[in-house]
Amino acid sequence: MTEMKTSLSPKDIEAFEPAEKVGLVASINPQGLPHISLITSIQGNSPTQVTLGEFCKGKSKEYIQKNSDIGFLIMTLDKKMWRGKARWTHLKKEGPEFEKYNDIPMFRYNTYFGINTVHYLDLIEISHGQALPMFQIALAAILTKIAKSGAKTHHQGRILKPFAEKIFNGLDSLKFISYIAEDGFPVIFPVIQCQAADSRRLSFSSFAYKDDLYAIPKNAPVAVFSMTMGMEDVLIRGRFNGFKRVRFLEMGSIDIDWVYNSMPPCHGQIYPELELTPVVNF
């Protein structure tokens, strides 16, 4: 069980300052389903407060204002990771935090956009910074690659586009899973070994993050976010099928029912496909 604390240390706050990190926010949409967004601007503002800098309009900022309970994950370039929970309280479009964000080189010298809004969240709990278990992750990825073809759906209709399927199957891609826990907060943690068995199902070995994976209720709706180091990413949602033996290996799987393009500048649903509508307002 991961040990949790209720405040950020000065070293935590310092570690979160660089824009060059993985910052993920797990929120809950109006239908009560998990959603994951890449928000590298997440920072510790004080021992008990977290901030998010908004520079493009995605779904997560809309969702957290309607359901304020979030989960978050921060991973720094040295592969150290923190996981926590927080509660959105308010936003501002000016003030010291706004100015601090826009002094960061990534936003200060950006030709197209800077930080336009700062979101404030009360910290509920956070883990101590821990190194990724690279040996377990690497072995789990190899085991998944060996067994995943045995988890195919054999359904002809394609859900994941070839580009998205390639992102999930990249052994150097990062993947993270989220579900809604009994306390109402989204939980988020790595599932880097996750790969596409085919375009309709994700599969993964339980060798890495076994306790966290076992905590997901069978048939629970889950979201999985996959990203490459080239900042290509895709988000899916589906039902967790639980674990079973596939080619003598214990494998979990998710049947995909929704796909979302998370990459700016044009966020949007990919599957189920939406009908095109004409633009009438310019």
C-alpha atoms as a PDB file:
ATOM      1  CA  MET A   1       0.000   0.000   0.000  1.00  0.00           C
ATOM      2  CA  THR A   2       1.397   3.416  -0.989  1.00  0.00           C
ATOM      3  CA  GLU A   3       2.003   5.659   2.014  1.00  0.00           C
ATOM      4  CA  MET A   4       0.167   8.977   1.710  1.00  0.00           C
ATOM      5  CA  LYS A   5       0.615  12.379   3.352  1.00  0.00           C
ATOM      6  CA  THR A   6      -1.584  15.485   3.512  1.00  0.00           C
ATOM      7  CA  SER A   7       0.876  18.229   2.569  1.00  0.00           C
ATOM      8  CA  LEU A   8       3.650  18.981   0.102  1.00  0.00           C
ATOM      9  CA  SER A   9       7.207  19.327   1.311  1.00  0.00           C
ATOM     10  CA  PRO A  10       9.464  22.130   0.009  1.00  0.00           C
ATOM     11  CA  LYS A  11      11.292  19.472  -2.053  1.00  0.00           C
ATOM     12  CA  ASP A  12       7.977  18.341  -3.592  1.00  0.00           C
ATOM     13  CA  ILE A  13       7.092  21.898  -4.564  1.00  0.00           C
ATOM     14  CA  GLU A  14      10.541  22.413  -6.088  1.00  0.00           C
ATOM     15  CA  ALA A  15      10.303  19.128  -8.029  1.00  0.00           C
ATOM     16  CA  PHE A  16       6.952  20.158  -9.567  1.00  0.00           C
ATOM     17  CA  GLU A  17       8.157  23.555 -10.827  1.00  0.00           C
ATOM     18  CA  PRO A  18       9.693  22.568 -14.205  1.00  0.00           C
ATOM     19  CA  ALA A  19       7.319  22.587 -17.162  1.00  0.00           C
ATOM     20  CA  GLU A  20       9.284  19.634 -18.569  1.00  0.00           C
ATOM     21  CA  LYS A  21       7.467  16.833 -16.756  1.00  0.00           C
ATOM     22  CA  VAL A  22       4.469  14.556 -17.132  1.00  0.00           C
ATOM     23  CA  GLY A  23       1.471  16.031 -15.324  1.00  0.00           C
ATOM     24  CA  LEU A  24      -1.858  14.196 -15.572  1.00  0.00           C
ATOM     25  CA  VAL A  25      -5.237  15.132 -14.136  1.00  0.00           C
ATOM     26  CA  ALA A  26      -8.003  12.544 -13.790  1.00  0.00           C
ATOM     27  CA  SER A  27     -11.445  14.131 -13.631  1.00  0.00           C
ATOM     28  CA  ILE A  28     -15.057  12.953 -13.830  1.00  0.00           C
ATOM     29  CA  ASN A  29     -17.304  13.875 -16.758  1.00  0.00           C
ATOM     30  CA  PRO A  30     -21.026  14.719 -16.414  1.00  0.00           C
ATOM     31  CA  GLN A  31     -21.907  11.057 -17.051  1.00  0.00           C
ATOM     32  CA  GLY A  32     -19.809  10.006 -14.047  1.00  0.00           C
ATOM     33  CA  LEU A  33     -17.023   8.476 -16.176  1.00  0.00           C
ATOM     34  CA  PRO A  34     -13.262   8.972 -15.762  1.00  0.00           C
ATOM     35  CA  HIS A  35     -11.333  11.368 -17.998  1.00  0.00           C
ATOM     36  CA  ILE A  36      -7.559  11.966 -18.171  1.00  0.00           C
ATOM     37  CA  SER A  37      -5.809  15.102 -19.413  1.00  0.00           C
ATOM     38  CA  LEU A  38      -2.140  15.970 -19.851  1.00  0.00           C
ATOM     39  CA  ILE A  39      -1.571  19.200 -17.892  1.00  0.00           C
ATOM     40  CA  THR A  40       2.167  19.751 -17.503  1.00  0.00           C
ATOM     41  CA  SER A  41       1.532  23.118 -15.810  1.00  0.00           C
ATOM     42  CA  ILE A  42       0.411  21.428 -12.578  1.00  0.00           C
ATOM     43  CA  GLN A  43       2.420  22.828  -9.661  1.00  0.00           C
ATOM     44  CA  GLY A  44       2.483  22.976  -5.887  1.00  0.00           C
ATOM     45  CA  ASN A  45       1.578  26.505  -4.824  1.00  0.00           C
ATOM     46  CA  SER A  46       1.852  25.858  -1.085  1.00  0.00           C
ATOM     47  CA  PRO A  47       2.005  22.817   1.220  1.00  0.00           C
ATOM     48  CA  THR A  48      -1.772  22.441   0.932  1.00  0.00           C
ATOM     49  CA  GLN A  49      -2.594  23.898  -2.494  1.00  0.00           C
ATOM     50  CA  VAL A  50      -2.053  22.789  -6.096  1.00  0.00           C
ATOM     51  CA  THR A  51      -2.485  24.983  -9.186  1.00  0.00           C
ATOM     52  CA  LEU A  52      -3.152  24.265 -12.861  1.00  0.00           C
ATOM     53  CA  GLY A  53      -2.265  26.747 -15.579  1.00  0.00           C
ATOM     54  CA  GLU A  54      -4.742  26.753 -18.465  1.00  0.00           C
ATOM     55  CA  PHE A  55      -3.387  27.630 -21.925  1.00  0.00           C
ATOM     56  CA  CYS A  56      -5.839  25.774 -24.151  1.00  0.00           C
ATOM     57  CA  LYS A  57      -9.470  24.868 -23.580  1.00  0.00           C
ATOM     58  CA  GLY A  58      -9.881  21.141 -22.994  1.00  0.00           C
ATOM     59  CA  LYS A  59     -12.621  19.118 -21.371  1.00  0.00           C
ATOM     60  CA  SER A  60     -10.867  18.660 -18.022  1.00  0.00           C
ATOM     61  CA  LYS A  61     -11.141  22.320 -16.969  1.00  0.00           C
ATOM     62  CA  GLU A  62     -14.853  22.180 -17.707  1.00  0.00           C
ATOM     63  CA  TYR A  63     -15.308  18.921 -15.811  1.00  0.00           C
ATOM     64  CA  ILE A  64     -13.440  19.933 -12.635  1.00  0.00           C
ATOM     65  CA  GLN A  65     -15.684  22.961 -12.214  1.00  0.00           C
ATOM     66  CA  LYS A  66     -18.750  20.679 -12.196  1.00  0.00           C
ATOM     67  CA  ASN A  67     -17.261  17.834 -10.144  1.00  0.00           C
ATOM     68  CA  SER A  68     -14.400  19.257  -8.098  1.00  0.00           C
ATOM     69  CA  ASP A  69     -12.805  15.959  -6.973  1.00  0.00           C
ATOM     70  CA  ILE A  70      -9.758  14.995  -9.023  1.00  0.00           C
ATOM     71  CA  GLY A  71      -6.844  12.583  -9.014  1.00  0.00           C
ATOM     72  CA  PHE A  72      -3.451  13.622 -10.319  1.00  0.00           C
ATOM     73  CA  LEU A  73      -0.075  12.145 -11.177  1.00  0.00           C
ATOM     74  CA  ILE A  74       3.250  13.901 -11.632  1.00  0.00           C
ATOM     75  CA  MET A  75       6.330  12.224 -13.109  1.00  0.00           C
ATOM     76  CA  THR A  76       9.600  14.133 -13.390  1.00  0.00           C
ATOM     77  CA  LEU A  77      12.357  13.589 -15.942  1.00  0.00           C
ATOM     78  CA  ASP A  78      14.328  11.460 -13.473  1.00  0.00           C
ATOM     79  CA  LYS A  79      11.399   8.967 -13.466  1.00  0.00           C
ATOM     80  CA  LYS A  80      10.221   9.879  -9.982  1.00  0.00           C
ATOM     81  CA  MET A  81       6.466   9.827  -9.476  1.00  0.00           C
ATOM     82  CA  TRP A  82       3.856  11.321  -7.128  1.00  0.00           C
ATOM     83  CA  ARG A  83       0.134  10.440  -7.032  1.00  0.00           C
ATOM     84  CA  GLY A  84      -2.529  12.392  -5.205  1.00  0.00           C
ATOM     85  CA  LYS A  85      -6.051  13.714  -4.784  1.00  0.00           C
ATOM     86  CA  ALA A  86      -7.234  17.309  -4.744  1.00  0.00           C
ATOM     87  CA  ARG A  87     -10.420  19.376  -4.839  1.00  0.00           C
ATOM     88  CA  TRP A  88     -10.964  22.344  -7.188  1.00  0.00           C
ATOM     89  CA  THR A  89     -11.962  25.550  -5.382  1.00  0.00           C
ATOM     90  CA  HIS A  90     -11.733  28.536  -7.753  1.00  0.00           C
ATOM     91  CA  LEU A  91      -9.974  30.156 -10.703  1.00  0.00           C
ATOM     92  CA  LYS A  92      -8.307  33.494 -11.391  1.00  0.00           C
ATOM     93  CA  LYS A  93      -7.229  35.365 -14.508  1.00  0.00           C
ATOM     94  CA  GLU A  94      -4.747  37.610 -12.707  1.00  0.00           C
ATOM     95  CA  GLY A  95      -2.581  37.674  -9.610  1.00  0.00           C
ATOM     96  CA  PRO A  96       0.877  36.454  -8.549  1.00  0.00           C
ATOM     97  CA  GLU A  97       0.366  32.851  -9.683  1.00  0.00           C
ATOM     98  CA  PHE A  98      -0.871  34.075 -13.088  1.00  0.00           C
ATOM     99  CA  GLU A  99       2.242  36.240 -13.469  1.00  0.00           C
ATOM    100  CA  LYS A 100       4.542  33.439 -12.288  1.00  0.00           C
ATOM    101  CA  TYR A 101       3.144  31.024 -14.875  1.00  0.00           C
ATOM    102  CA  ASN A 102       3.565  33.503 -17.698  1.00  0.00           C
ATOM    103  CA  ASP A 103       7.189  34.126 -16.721  1.00  0.00           C
ATOM    104  CA  ILE A 104       7.993  30.452 -17.420  1.00  0.00           C
ATOM    105  CA  PRO A 105       9.957  30.396 -20.721  1.00  0.00           C
ATOM    106  CA  MET A 106       7.598  27.806 -22.278  1.00  0.00           C
ATOM    107  CA  PHE A 107       4.706  30.270 -22.002  1.00  0.00           C
ATOM    108  CA  ARG A 108       6.501  33.629 -21.914  1.00  0.00           C
ATOM    109  CA  TYR A 109       8.093  33.130 -25.342  1.00  0.00           C
ATOM    110  CA  ASN A 110       5.246  31.200 -26.938  1.00  0.00           C
ATOM    111  CA  THR A 111       4.084  33.012 -30.054  1.00  0.00           C
ATOM    112  CA  TYR A 112       0.562  31.597 -30.001  1.00  0.00           C
ATOM    113  CA  PHE A 113      -0.600  31.333 -26.398  1.00  0.00           C
ATOM    114  CA  GLY A 114       0.311  31.810 -22.770  1.00  0.00           C
ATOM    115  CA  ILE A 115      -1.455  30.885 -19.553  1.00  0.00           C
ATOM    116  CA  ASN A 116      -4.857  32.595 -19.541  1.00  0.00           C
ATOM    117  CA  THR A 117      -6.379  31.121 -16.355  1.00  0.00           C
ATOM    118  CA  VAL A 118      -5.066  29.644 -13.114  1.00  0.00           C
ATOM    119  CA  HIS A 119      -7.107  26.951 -11.347  1.00  0.00           C
ATOM    120  CA  TYR A 120      -6.672  26.437  -7.596  1.00  0.00           C
ATOM    121  CA  LEU A 121      -7.164  23.126  -5.815  1.00  0.00           C
ATOM    122  CA  ASP A 122      -6.957  22.109  -2.162  1.00  0.00           C
ATOM    123  CA  LEU A 123      -4.661  19.142  -1.660  1.00  0.00           C
ATOM    124  CA  ILE A 124      -6.387  16.146  -0.058  1.00  0.00           C
ATOM    125  CA  GLU A 125      -3.479  13.697  -0.067  1.00  0.00           C
ATOM    126  CA  ILE A 126      -0.309  12.876  -1.953  1.00  0.00           C
ATOM    127  CA  SER A 127       2.182  10.046  -2.028  1.00  0.00           C
ATOM    128  CA  HIS A 128       5.871  10.384  -1.318  1.00  0.00           C
ATOM    129  CA  GLY A 129       7.963  10.670  -4.474  1.00  0.00           C
ATOM    130  CA  GLN A 130       8.896   7.173  -5.635  1.00  0.00           C
ATOM    131  CA  ALA A 131      11.044   5.842  -8.477  1.00  0.00           C
ATOM    132  CA  LEU A 132       9.278   3.875 -11.188  1.00  0.00           C
ATOM    133  CA  PRO A 133       9.810   0.098 -10.820  1.00  0.00           C
ATOM    134  CA  MET A 134      11.541  -0.182 -14.185  1.00  0.00           C
ATOM    135  CA  PHE A 135      12.396  -3.888 -13.964  1.00  0.00           C
ATOM    136  CA  GLN A 136       8.787  -4.889 -13.268  1.00  0.00           C
ATOM    137  CA  ILE A 137       7.495  -2.543 -15.971  1.00  0.00           C
ATOM    138  CA  ALA A 138       9.935  -3.865 -18.594  1.00  0.00           C
ATOM    139  CA  LEU A 139       9.133  -7.496 -17.796  1.00  0.00           C
ATOM    140  CA  ALA A 140       5.388  -6.788 -17.757  1.00  0.00           C
ATOM    141  CA  ALA A 141       5.681  -5.151 -21.198  1.00  0.00           C
ATOM    142  CA  ILE A 142       7.508  -8.206 -22.576  1.00  0.00           C
ATOM    143  CA  LEU A 143       4.920 -10.584 -21.093  1.00  0.00           C
ATOM    144  CA  THR A 144       2.124  -8.464 -22.567  1.00  0.00           C
ATOM    145  CA  LYS A 145       3.736  -8.530 -26.012  1.00  0.00           C
ATOM    146  CA  ILE A 146       3.997 -12.328 -25.815  1.00  0.00           C
ATOM    147  CA  ALA A 147       0.399 -12.938 -24.735  1.00  0.00           C
ATOM    148  CA  LYS A 148      -1.669 -10.089 -26.187  1.00  0.00           C
ATOM    149  CA  SER A 149      -2.504 -11.811 -29.483  1.00  0.00           C
ATOM    150  CA  GLY A 150      -4.378 -14.426 -27.449  1.00  0.00           C
ATOM    151  CA  ALA A 151      -6.668 -11.666 -26.160  1.00  0.00           C
ATOM    152  CA  LYS A 152      -7.886 -10.486 -29.584  1.00  0.00           C
ATOM    153  CA  THR A 153     -11.616  -9.891 -30.049  1.00  0.00           C
ATOM    154  CA  HIS A 154     -11.618 -11.246 -33.650  1.00  0.00           C
ATOM    155  CA  HIS A 155     -14.160  -8.537 -34.483  1.00  0.00           C
ATOM    156  CA  GLN A 156     -13.737  -7.020 -37.940  1.00  0.00           C
ATOM    157  CA  GLY A 157     -14.997  -3.505 -37.140  1.00  0.00           C
ATOM    158  CA  ARG A 158     -12.124  -1.124 -36.341  1.00  0.00           C
ATOM    159  CA  ILE A 159     -12.243   1.267 -33.362  1.00  0.00           C
ATOM    160  CA  LEU A 160      -8.665   2.477 -32.848  1.00  0.00           C
ATOM    161  CA  LYS A 161      -7.191   4.069 -35.951  1.00  0.00           C
ATOM    162  CA  PRO A 162      -3.801   2.606 -36.995  1.00  0.00           C
ATOM    163  CA  PHE A 163      -2.045   5.746 -35.688  1.00  0.00           C
ATOM    164  CA  ALA A 164      -3.637   5.372 -32.225  1.00  0.00           C
ATOM    165  CA  GLU A 165      -2.981   1.620 -32.165  1.00  0.00           C
ATOM    166  CA  LYS A 166       0.685   2.340 -32.909  1.00  0.00           C
ATOM    167  CA  ILE A 167       0.860   4.756 -29.962  1.00  0.00           C
ATOM    168  CA  PHE A 168      -0.459   2.081 -27.609  1.00  0.00           C
ATOM    169  CA  ASN A 169       1.904  -0.573 -28.980  1.00  0.00           C
ATOM    170  CA  GLY A 170       5.057   1.505 -28.693  1.00  0.00           C
ATOM    171  CA  LEU A 171       7.189  -0.082 -25.967  1.00  0.00           C
ATOM    172  CA  ASP A 172       8.562   3.384 -25.167  1.00  0.00           C
ATOM    173  CA  SER A 173       5.065   4.910 -24.865  1.00  0.00           C
ATOM    174  CA  LEU A 174       3.737   5.880 -21.446  1.00  0.00           C
ATOM    175  CA  LYS A 175       0.254   4.700 -20.453  1.00  0.00           C
ATOM    176  CA  PHE A 176      -1.859   5.572 -17.424  1.00  0.00           C
ATOM    177  CA  ILE A 177      -5.205   4.204 -16.232  1.00  0.00           C
ATOM    178  CA  SER A 178      -7.947   5.823 -14.160  1.00  0.00           C
ATOM    179  CA  TYR A 179     -11.168   4.674 -12.517  1.00  0.00           C
ATOM    180  CA  ILE A 180     -13.549   6.112  -9.916  1.00  0.00           C
ATOM    181  CA  ALA A 181     -12.880   4.791  -6.413  1.00  0.00           C
ATOM    182  CA  GLU A 182     -15.509   4.211  -3.717  1.00  0.00           C
ATOM    183  CA  ASP A 183     -14.739   7.608  -2.118  1.00  0.00           C
ATOM    184  CA  GLY A 184     -15.737   9.354  -5.370  1.00  0.00           C
ATOM    185  CA  PHE A 185     -12.234  10.442  -6.347  1.00  0.00           C
ATOM    186  CA  PRO A 186     -10.621   9.308  -9.592  1.00  0.00           C
ATOM    187  CA  VAL A 187      -7.568   7.093  -9.064  1.00  0.00           C
ATOM    188  CA  ILE A 188      -4.720   7.293 -11.582  1.00  0.00           C
ATOM    189  CA  PHE A 189      -1.561   5.200 -11.885  1.00  0.00           C
ATOM    190  CA  PRO A 190       0.801   3.884 -14.591  1.00  0.00           C
ATOM    191  CA  VAL A 191      -0.037   0.879 -16.737  1.00  0.00           C
ATOM    192  CA  ILE A 192       2.946   1.311 -19.049  1.00  0.00           C
ATOM    193  CA  GLN A 193       2.863  -2.353 -20.078  1.00  0.00           C
ATOM    194  CA  CYS A 194      -0.593  -1.881 -21.663  1.00  0.00           C
ATOM    195  CA  GLN A 195      -0.793  -2.643 -25.416  1.00  0.00           C
ATOM    196  CA  ALA A 196      -3.473  -3.064 -28.060  1.00  0.00           C
ATOM    197  CA  ALA A 197      -4.455  -6.710 -28.586  1.00  0.00           C
ATOM    198  CA  ASP A 198      -6.342  -5.390 -31.600  1.00  0.00           C
ATOM    199  CA  SER A 199      -8.153  -2.162 -32.464  1.00  0.00           C
ATOM    200  CA  ARG A 200     -11.001  -2.945 -30.051  1.00  0.00           C
ATOM    201  CA  ARG A 201      -9.251  -4.251 -26.933  1.00  0.00           C
ATOM    202  CA  LEU A 202      -6.307  -3.295 -24.708  1.00  0.00           C
ATOM    203  CA  SER A 203      -4.406  -5.963 -22.815  1.00  0.00           C
ATOM    204  CA  PHE A 204      -1.774  -5.885 -20.052  1.00  0.00           C
ATOM    205  CA  SER A 205       0.179  -8.134 -17.722  1.00  0.00           C
ATOM    206  CA  SER A 206      -0.435  -7.797 -13.980  1.00  0.00           C
ATOM    207  CA  PHE A 207       3.302  -8.078 -13.188  1.00  0.00           C
ATOM    208  CA  ALA A 208       3.707  -4.302 -12.648  1.00  0.00           C
ATOM    209  CA  TYR A 209       1.413  -2.347 -10.291  1.00  0.00           C
ATOM    210  CA  LYS A 210      -0.430  -5.547  -9.412  1.00  0.00           C
ATOM    211  CA  ASP A 211      -2.033  -4.242  -6.188  1.00  0.00           C
ATOM    212  CA  ASP A 212      -3.364  -1.137  -7.949  1.00  0.00           C
ATOM    213  CA  LEU A 213      -4.708  -3.173 -10.863  1.00  0.00           C
ATOM    214  CA  TYR A 214      -6.376  -5.689  -8.551  1.00  0.00           C
ATOM    215  CA  ALA A 215      -8.201  -2.798  -6.836  1.00  0.00           C
ATOM    216  CA  ILE A 216     -10.128  -1.950 -10.037  1.00  0.00           C
ATOM    217  CA  PRO A 217     -13.615  -3.527  -9.822  1.00  0.00           C
ATOM    218  CA  LYS A 218     -14.471  -5.888 -12.657  1.00  0.00           C
ATOM    219  CA  ASN A 219     -16.726  -4.199 -15.271  1.00  0.00           C
ATOM    220  CA  ALA A 220     -15.759  -0.738 -13.958  1.00  0.00           C
ATOM    221  CA  PRO A 221     -15.525   2.027 -16.568  1.00  0.00           C
ATOM    222  CA  VAL A 222     -11.886   3.049 -16.982  1.00  0.00           C
ATOM    223  CA  ALA A 223      -9.917   5.590 -18.989  1.00  0.00           C
ATOM    224  CA  VAL A 224      -6.451   4.913 -20.410  1.00  0.00           C
ATOM    225  CA  PHE A 225      -4.186   7.703 -21.627  1.00  0.00           C
ATOM    226  CA  SER A 226      -1.236   6.851 -23.884  1.00  0.00           C
ATOM    227  CA  MET A 227       1.504   9.254 -24.938  1.00  0.00           C
ATOM    228  CA  THR A 228       4.835   9.170 -26.743  1.00  0.00           C
ATOM    229  CA  MET A 229       7.933  11.234 -25.991  1.00  0.00           C
ATOM    230  CA  GLY A 230       7.068  13.148 -29.162  1.00  0.00           C
ATOM    231  CA  MET A 231       3.925  14.391 -27.343  1.00  0.00           C
ATOM    232  CA  GLU A 232       1.572  12.325 -29.490  1.00  0.00           C
ATOM    233  CA  ASP A 233      -1.271  11.032 -27.357  1.00  0.00           C
ATOM    234  CA  VAL A 234      -4.686   9.413 -27.347  1.00  0.00           C
ATOM    235  CA  LEU A 235      -7.318   8.724 -24.686  1.00  0.00           C
ATOM    236  CA  ILE A 236      -9.690   5.771 -24.644  1.00  0.00           C
ATOM    237  CA  ARG A 237     -12.490   4.690 -22.346  1.00  0.00           C
ATOM    238  CA  GLY A 238     -13.964   1.233 -21.905  1.00  0.00           C
ATOM    239  CA  ARG A 239     -14.936  -1.562 -19.496  1.00  0.00           C
ATOM    240  CA  PHE A 240     -12.380  -3.437 -17.440  1.00  0.00           C
ATOM    241  CA  ASN A 241     -12.848  -7.175 -17.980  1.00  0.00           C
ATOM    242  CA  GLY A 242     -10.787  -8.264 -14.978  1.00  0.00           C
ATOM    243  CA  PHE A 243      -7.971 -10.806 -15.199  1.00  0.00           C
ATOM    244  CA  LYS A 244      -7.721 -14.249 -16.745  1.00  0.00           C
ATOM    245  CA  ARG A 245      -5.048 -16.616 -18.001  1.00  0.00           C
ATOM    246  CA  VAL A 246      -3.945 -16.018 -21.584  1.00  0.00           C
ATOM    247  CA  ARG A 247      -1.225 -18.338 -22.857  1.00  0.00           C
ATOM    248  CA  PHE A 248      -0.473 -19.283 -19.222  1.00  0.00           C
ATOM    249  CA  LEU A 249       0.023 -15.623 -18.246  1.00  0.00           C
ATOM    250  CA  GLU A 250      -2.301 -13.510 -16.087  1.00  0.00           C
ATOM    251  CA  MET A 251      -3.638 -10.736 -18.291  1.00  0.00           C
ATOM    252  CA  GLY A 252      -6.126  -7.932 -17.805  1.00  0.00           C
ATOM    253  CA  SER A 253      -8.118  -6.419 -20.650  1.00  0.00           C
ATOM    254  CA  ILE A 254     -10.305  -3.444 -21.518  1.00  0.00           C
ATOM    255  CA  ASP A 255     -12.927  -3.406 -24.265  1.00  0.00           C
ATOM    256  CA  ILE A 256     -12.797   0.023 -25.909  1.00  0.00           C
ATOM    257  CA  ASP A 257     -16.040   1.928 -26.462  1.00  0.00           C
ATOM    258  CA  TRP A 258     -14.816   5.543 -26.797  1.00  0.00           C
ATOM    259  CA  VAL A 259     -11.735   7.247 -28.279  1.00  0.00           C
ATOM    260  CA  TYR A 260     -10.691  10.885 -27.870  1.00  0.00           C
ATOM    261  CA  ASN A 261      -7.992  12.999 -29.509  1.00  0.00           C
ATOM    262  CA  SER A 262      -6.294  14.875 -26.664  1.00  0.00           C
ATOM    263  CA  MET A 263      -3.759  16.735 -28.808  1.00  0.00           C
ATOM    264  CA  PRO A 264      -4.134  20.489 -29.308  1.00  0.00           C
ATOM    265  CA  PRO A 265      -5.188  22.506 -31.123  1.00  0.00           C
ATOM    266  CA  CYS A 266      -8.249  20.407 -32.028  1.00  0.00           C
ATOM    267  CA  HIS A 267      -9.454  18.196 -29.180  1.00  0.00           C
ATOM    268  CA  GLY A 268     -12.350  15.956 -30.041  1.00  0.00           C
ATOM    269  CA  GLN A 269     -14.097  12.608 -30.012  1.00  0.00           C
ATOM    270  CA  ILE A 270     -12.886  10.120 -32.614  1.00  0.00           C
ATOM    271  CA  TYR A 271     -15.079   7.115 -31.780  1.00  0.00           C
ATOM    272  CA  PRO A 272     -18.031   6.750 -31.917  1.00  0.00           C
ATOM    273  CA  GLU A 273     -17.723   8.925 -34.984  1.00  0.00           C
ATOM    274  CA  LEU A 274     -19.658  12.188 -34.860  1.00  0.00           C
ATOM    275  CA  GLU A 275     -21.679  13.524 -37.747  1.00  0.00           C
ATOM    276  CA  LEU A 276     -20.072  16.528 -39.432  1.00  0.00           C
ATOM    277  CA  THR A 277     -22.050  19.755 -39.103  1.00  0.00           C
ATOM    278  CA  PRO A 278     -21.590  22.967 -41.097  1.00  0.00           C
ATOM    279  CA  VAL A 279     -19.945  26.012 -39.504  1.00  0.00           C
ATOM    280  CA  VAL A 280     -22.479  28.842 -39.446  1.00  0.00           C
ATOM    281  CA  ASN A 281     -20.866  31.279 -36.985  1.00  0.00           C
ATOM    282  CA  PHE A 282     -17.479  32.808 -37.751  1.00  0.00           C
END
